[in-house]
Protein backbone atom coordinates (compact mmCIF):
# COMPACT_ATOMS: atom_id res chain seq x y z
CA UNK A 1 142.49 129.94 51.14
CA UNK A 2 142.21 130.62 55.06
CA UNK A 3 143.34 134.11 55.87
CA UNK A 4 143.07 133.94 59.68
CA UNK A 5 142.12 130.99 61.47
CA UNK A 6 141.14 131.39 65.34
CA UNK A 7 140.90 128.44 67.56
CA UNK A 8 139.82 127.99 71.06
CA UNK A 9 140.19 131.54 71.81
CA UNK A 10 139.78 132.13 75.85
CA UNK A 11 139.83 135.84 77.29
CA UNK A 12 139.92 136.07 81.42
CA UNK A 13 140.26 139.20 83.33
CA UNK A 14 142.00 139.31 86.96
CA UNK A 15 139.80 140.45 89.51
CA UNK A 16 139.37 140.22 93.02
CA UNK A 17 137.41 137.16 93.67
CA UNK A 18 139.84 135.36 90.79
CA UNK A 19 139.85 135.32 87.12
CA UNK A 20 136.66 136.11 85.13
CA UNK A 21 136.38 134.74 81.69
CA UNK A 22 134.60 136.80 79.17
CA UNK A 23 135.28 134.64 75.91
CA UNK A 24 134.75 130.61 76.24
CA UNK A 25 136.71 128.41 73.62
CA UNK A 26 135.84 130.66 70.49
CA UNK A 27 136.67 129.49 67.12
CA UNK A 28 136.30 131.22 63.68
CA UNK A 29 138.21 131.45 60.53
CA UNK A 30 138.17 134.32 57.61
CA UNK A 31 138.77 133.52 53.71
CA UNK A 32 140.78 135.39 51.61
CA UNK A 33 138.41 137.97 49.90
CA UNK A 34 135.16 137.25 52.11
CA UNK A 35 133.17 139.36 54.69
CA UNK A 36 132.63 137.35 57.82
CA UNK A 37 129.87 138.59 59.93
CA UNK A 38 130.19 138.26 63.76
CA UNK A 39 126.52 139.09 65.34
CA UNK A 40 125.02 138.86 68.95
CA UNK A 41 123.93 141.17 71.62
CA UNK A 42 126.20 144.18 73.56
CA UNK A 43 128.49 141.97 75.81
CA UNK A 44 128.30 138.87 73.73
CA UNK A 45 132.35 139.02 73.41
CA UNK A 46 132.37 140.12 69.84
CA UNK A 47 134.73 143.23 69.86
CA UNK A 48 136.80 141.50 72.78
CA UNK A 49 137.58 138.63 70.94
CA UNK A 50 138.94 140.74 67.83
CA UNK A 51 140.85 142.94 70.03
CA UNK A 52 142.45 140.17 71.96
CA UNK A 53 143.53 138.47 68.62
CA UNK A 54 145.05 141.92 67.50
CA UNK A 55 146.72 142.36 70.87
CA UNK A 56 144.93 145.57 71.83
CA UNK A 57 143.95 144.33 75.36
CA UNK A 58 145.70 145.06 78.50
CA UNK A 59 148.23 142.23 79.33
CA UNK A 60 148.56 143.04 82.68
CA UNK A 61 144.98 141.96 83.83
CA UNK A 62 144.18 139.96 81.00
CA UNK A 63 145.04 136.41 80.11
CA UNK A 64 144.45 135.18 76.35
CA UNK A 65 144.91 131.62 75.34
CA UNK A 66 144.27 129.41 72.42
CA UNK A 67 145.53 129.89 68.87
CA UNK A 68 145.34 132.95 66.11
CA UNK A 69 147.11 132.11 63.07
CA UNK A 70 147.49 134.89 60.33
CA UNK A 71 149.09 134.07 57.10
CA UNK A 72 150.80 131.25 58.85
CA UNK A 73 152.06 133.32 61.97
CA UNK A 74 150.85 132.73 65.34
CA UNK A 75 149.72 136.36 66.50
CA UNK A 76 149.21 135.43 70.22
CA UNK A 77 152.80 134.57 70.28
CA UNK A 78 154.17 137.73 68.56
CA UNK A 79 156.20 140.03 70.77
CA UNK A 80 154.14 143.65 70.90
CA UNK A 81 156.95 145.24 68.16
CA UNK A 82 156.12 142.86 65.66
CA UNK A 83 152.22 143.04 66.24
CA UNK A 84 152.63 146.84 65.68
CA UNK A 85 154.33 145.93 62.06
CA UNK A 86 151.08 143.88 61.27
CA UNK A 87 148.28 146.20 62.82
CA UNK A 88 147.82 149.03 60.03
CA UNK A 89 149.51 147.40 57.50
CA UNK A 90 148.31 143.60 56.91
CA UNK A 91 145.26 143.93 59.54
CA UNK A 92 143.39 147.40 59.80
CA UNK A 93 140.68 148.18 62.41
CA UNK A 94 137.57 150.51 61.68
CA UNK A 95 136.51 151.48 65.26
CA UNK A 96 132.93 151.98 65.79
CA UNK A 97 133.48 156.00 67.44
CA UNK A 98 135.59 157.73 64.98
CA UNK A 99 135.65 160.75 67.11
CA UNK A 100 138.20 158.41 69.71
CA UNK A 101 139.83 156.69 66.76
CA UNK A 102 141.00 159.73 65.37
CA UNK A 103 143.40 162.21 67.35
CA UNK A 104 141.76 165.49 67.88
CA UNK A 105 145.06 167.78 67.62
CA UNK A 106 146.19 166.70 64.46
CA UNK A 107 144.55 166.91 61.05
CA UNK A 108 142.95 163.90 59.32
CA UNK A 109 145.32 164.31 56.36
CA UNK A 110 148.46 164.07 59.07
CA UNK A 111 147.13 160.95 60.55
CA UNK A 112 146.47 159.24 57.11
CA UNK A 113 150.17 160.05 55.96
CA UNK A 114 151.58 159.16 59.37
CA UNK A 115 149.80 155.69 58.84
CA UNK A 116 151.20 155.36 55.57
CA UNK A 117 155.03 156.38 56.29
CA UNK A 118 154.71 154.06 59.38
CA UNK A 119 154.46 151.07 57.12
CA UNK A 120 155.69 152.06 53.77
CA UNK A 121 158.90 153.89 52.66
CA UNK A 122 157.80 156.86 50.82
CA UNK A 123 158.13 160.33 50.99
CA UNK A 124 155.73 162.71 52.91
CA UNK A 125 154.45 164.03 49.40
CA UNK A 126 153.71 160.98 47.84
CA UNK A 127 151.96 159.73 51.05
CA UNK A 128 149.94 162.90 51.17
CA UNK A 129 148.71 162.42 47.30
CA UNK A 130 147.72 158.85 48.18
CA UNK A 131 145.73 160.28 51.37
CA UNK A 132 143.85 162.43 48.70
CA UNK A 133 143.17 159.76 46.25
CA UNK A 134 141.91 157.52 49.49
CA UNK A 135 139.59 160.38 50.60
CA UNK A 136 137.95 160.75 47.39
CA UNK A 137 137.78 156.63 46.88
CA UNK A 138 135.60 157.15 50.32
CA UNK A 139 133.27 159.71 48.74
CA UNK A 140 134.37 162.62 50.69
CA UNK A 141 133.57 166.00 48.75
CA UNK A 142 136.90 168.23 47.90
CA UNK A 143 139.21 165.78 49.79
CA UNK A 144 142.36 168.06 49.18
CA UNK A 145 140.70 170.45 51.61
CA UNK A 146 139.06 167.75 53.86
CA UNK A 147 142.87 166.58 54.35
CA UNK A 148 143.72 169.61 56.17
CA UNK A 149 140.90 169.54 58.65
CA UNK A 150 140.37 168.41 62.21
CA UNK A 151 138.39 165.73 63.23
CA UNK A 152 135.88 167.92 64.73
CA UNK A 153 135.31 169.93 61.57
CA UNK A 154 133.76 166.89 59.96
CA UNK A 155 130.24 165.42 60.44
CA UNK A 156 130.08 161.82 61.98
CA UNK A 157 129.62 160.21 58.68
CA UNK A 158 132.73 162.20 57.25
CA UNK A 159 134.97 161.14 60.21
CA UNK A 160 133.86 157.75 59.65
CA UNK A 161 134.60 157.80 56.05
CA UNK A 162 138.17 159.24 56.94
CA UNK A 163 138.58 156.41 59.11
CA UNK A 164 137.94 153.51 56.48
CA UNK A 165 140.24 155.47 54.27
CA UNK A 166 142.95 155.09 56.99
CA UNK A 167 142.29 151.81 56.90
CA UNK A 168 142.48 151.06 53.72
CA UNK A 169 145.59 153.12 53.08
CA UNK A 170 148.04 150.44 53.03
CA UNK A 171 146.06 147.95 51.38
CA UNK A 172 145.36 145.45 54.20
CA UNK A 173 144.75 142.07 53.69
CA UNK A 174 142.16 141.95 56.75
CA UNK A 175 139.71 144.90 57.74
CA UNK A 176 137.92 144.43 61.11
CA UNK A 177 134.95 146.78 61.15
CA UNK A 178 133.82 147.00 64.91
CA UNK A 179 130.33 148.52 64.61
CA UNK A 180 131.07 150.98 61.62
CA UNK A 181 127.83 152.63 61.56
CA UNK A 182 126.52 152.46 64.92
CA UNK A 183 126.68 156.42 65.99
CA UNK A 184 125.59 157.31 62.50
CA UNK A 185 121.74 158.14 61.35
CA UNK A 186 119.93 155.66 58.83
CA UNK A 187 120.96 157.31 55.86
CA UNK A 188 124.38 157.86 56.70
CA UNK A 189 124.78 154.07 57.93
CA UNK A 190 123.69 153.04 54.32
CA UNK A 191 126.12 155.24 52.78
CA UNK A 192 129.27 154.02 54.97
CA UNK A 193 127.93 150.53 54.31
CA UNK A 194 128.20 151.11 50.45
CA UNK A 195 131.82 151.68 51.04
CA UNK A 196 132.91 148.43 52.52
CA UNK A 197 132.71 146.92 48.94
CA UNK A 198 135.95 148.94 48.41
CA UNK A 199 137.90 145.99 49.83
CA UNK A 200 137.32 144.54 46.67
CA UNK A 201 139.64 147.07 44.80
CA UNK A 202 141.96 147.16 47.97
CA UNK A 203 142.28 143.15 48.32
CA UNK A 204 141.02 143.27 51.79
CA UNK A 205 138.73 140.24 53.56
CA UNK A 206 136.52 141.94 56.17
CA UNK A 207 135.37 141.19 59.91
CA UNK A 208 131.95 143.24 60.38
CA UNK A 209 131.35 143.05 64.27
CA UNK A 210 127.61 144.15 64.55
CA UNK A 211 124.32 143.42 66.12
CA UNK A 212 122.57 143.94 63.46
CA UNK A 213 121.26 140.96 61.42
CA UNK A 214 120.16 142.95 58.71
CA UNK A 215 123.56 144.39 58.08
CA UNK A 216 124.80 140.99 58.06
CA UNK A 217 122.12 139.74 55.67
CA UNK A 218 123.13 142.47 53.01
CA UNK A 219 127.07 142.61 53.53
CA UNK A 220 128.64 139.06 54.79
CA UNK A 221 129.31 136.19 53.24
CA UNK A 222 129.27 133.72 56.36
CA UNK A 223 128.08 134.41 59.76
CA UNK A 224 129.01 133.63 63.38
CA UNK A 225 126.45 134.30 66.20
CA UNK A 226 128.05 134.82 69.57
CA UNK A 227 126.41 134.47 72.91
CA UNK A 228 127.71 134.93 76.32
CA UNK A 229 131.11 134.69 74.99
CA UNK A 230 130.48 131.89 73.11
CA UNK A 231 130.20 131.13 69.25
CA UNK A 232 126.73 129.34 69.05
CA UNK A 233 126.18 129.15 65.40
CA UNK A 234 128.17 129.71 62.39
CA UNK A 235 127.71 129.15 58.81
CA UNK A 236 126.83 130.76 55.13
CA UNK A 237 124.45 133.63 55.65
CA UNK A 238 121.89 131.92 53.36
CA UNK A 239 122.01 128.56 55.43
CA UNK A 240 122.10 130.27 58.84
CA UNK A 241 119.00 133.08 57.99
CA UNK A 242 116.85 130.64 56.17
CA UNK A 243 117.44 127.72 58.65
CA UNK A 244 118.39 128.92 61.96
CA UNK A 245 119.38 125.92 64.11
CA UNK A 246 120.22 127.93 67.45
CA UNK A 247 117.26 129.20 69.46
CA UNK A 248 119.31 132.69 70.00
CA UNK A 249 119.92 132.84 66.10
CA UNK A 250 116.22 132.20 65.73
CA UNK A 251 115.14 134.98 68.17
CA UNK A 252 117.51 137.47 66.89
CA UNK A 253 116.03 137.00 63.23
CA UNK A 254 112.42 137.03 64.98
CA UNK A 255 113.11 140.39 66.18
CA UNK A 256 113.84 141.91 62.74
CA UNK A 257 111.09 144.04 61.28
CA UNK A 258 109.90 142.28 57.86
CA UNK A 259 110.72 144.07 54.65
CA UNK A 260 107.68 143.37 52.91
CA UNK A 261 104.03 142.61 53.77
CA UNK A 262 102.03 143.76 57.24
CA UNK A 263 104.08 142.94 60.87
CA UNK A 264 101.85 140.48 62.50
CA UNK A 265 101.64 141.81 65.94
CA UNK A 266 104.34 143.09 68.38
CA UNK A 267 108.14 142.15 67.10
CA UNK A 268 109.58 139.25 69.46
CA UNK A 269 111.67 140.21 72.13
CA UNK A 270 113.99 137.73 73.74
CA UNK A 271 113.24 137.59 77.76
CA UNK A 272 115.69 138.03 80.25
CA UNK A 273 119.04 139.02 80.39
CA UNK A 274 122.38 137.42 79.26
CA UNK A 275 124.37 135.72 82.25
CA UNK A 276 126.87 137.77 83.75
CA UNK A 277 130.61 137.05 82.68
CA UNK A 278 132.34 134.75 85.33
CA UNK A 279 129.20 133.14 86.14
CA UNK A 280 129.46 129.16 86.13
CA UNK A 281 127.33 127.64 83.48
CA UNK A 282 127.41 123.96 83.12
CA UNK A 283 125.14 123.60 80.17
CA UNK A 284 124.20 125.92 77.30
CA UNK A 285 124.55 129.33 78.28
CA UNK A 286 120.99 130.15 76.66
CA UNK A 287 118.97 127.72 78.62
CA UNK A 288 117.63 130.48 80.82
CA UNK A 289 115.96 132.48 78.13
CA UNK A 290 115.55 129.63 75.37
CA UNK A 291 111.63 128.82 74.41
CA UNK A 292 112.75 125.23 73.90
CA UNK A 293 114.77 124.70 76.82
CA UNK A 294 114.77 120.90 78.19
CA UNK A 295 116.47 119.28 81.28
CA UNK A 296 119.51 117.89 79.08
CA UNK A 297 120.18 121.60 78.30
CA UNK A 298 121.54 121.88 81.53
CA UNK A 299 124.54 119.72 80.45
CA UNK A 300 127.15 120.90 77.63
CA UNK A 301 125.69 121.04 74.30
CA UNK A 302 126.97 119.01 71.28
CA UNK A 303 128.25 120.49 68.31
CA UNK A 304 125.75 119.72 65.47
CA UNK A 305 127.49 119.78 61.82
CA UNK A 306 126.08 119.79 58.22
CA UNK A 307 128.89 120.97 55.87
CA UNK A 308 130.06 124.90 56.87
CA UNK A 309 126.55 125.13 58.74
CA UNK A 310 127.48 124.33 62.80
CA UNK A 311 125.73 124.79 66.13
CA UNK A 312 125.77 124.04 69.64
CA UNK A 313 122.33 122.89 70.66
CA UNK A 314 120.75 119.67 71.39
CA UNK A 315 117.60 120.20 69.36
CA UNK A 316 116.84 118.13 66.35
CA UNK A 317 115.42 119.18 63.09
CA UNK A 318 111.66 118.95 64.30
CA UNK A 319 112.35 120.51 67.81
CA UNK A 320 114.06 123.52 65.94
CA UNK A 321 111.14 124.11 63.47
CA UNK A 322 108.77 124.29 66.60
CA UNK A 323 111.13 126.55 68.58
CA UNK A 324 111.27 128.96 65.55
CA UNK A 325 107.21 128.83 65.35
CA UNK A 326 106.89 129.86 68.93
CA UNK A 327 109.00 133.30 68.11
CA UNK A 328 107.85 133.74 64.55
CA UNK A 329 111.24 133.20 63.28
CA UNK A 330 111.99 131.51 59.55
CA UNK A 331 110.18 128.13 59.90
């Protein structure tokens, strides 16, 4: 069952030189009980797409068009009051920086209790008891004491665990995890990622926004690869990782250190830079950096499909293999 369906999402910002489009006709879906990974370089539009769907952009300078349907309701058409009822209760957000996600002048417990009572008719004592259980679920030691601590009294990993507890506090149907491990060291990253399967006990689906292909391989069921504000490839994780169709996906995979065996020389690095937002691109946005670019790539690329695996690219099967061999991606 489809929980969230986003179709032709376009996000533009007002500027002195006219509207600047940062997200171009993005479409994806999230099914009940699954993890969708959205991956791409910084600035590719991953976070902006989801913040726009959640109504968390400044509408005074931002224009959002397209469709975003959640449980049969069109989110982009809802007034702010209705969206506030959905955020936190039905859709929760785990921010990449817990220090800014948590209010520094209130204790962690007070913030979780406030979240629960804003969406459910429970007493303060009942909300506090649930908050203790949530902190215990995310493996915070001595949760009764941690509840009365301020964010600055907790480590970065503990703060992120508290944010995850807050996100799960109302058993949301969908959790958007925006780079949940970016500010953490490698060991703590692994511990935090281990908490995301808690969604199963809370009945939640997850959109995992990240630039780390390794995290997507480990955590996600399906993946959407974004480049320059566009979804250039999407499909089941196994299909996309074993047979990447778009050269950008191949470049991302080639830049990951191998888990086994000796590394063959230097890791691949995608040359150049992504186009600046607002750049007029008549064809493929990746053409200037692509190792397999052709003259036809300066025209709009077609969507190639094989079941759930889709890509915006002109390359046929043989050309895709050759392009992957150039960069050392899976062939």
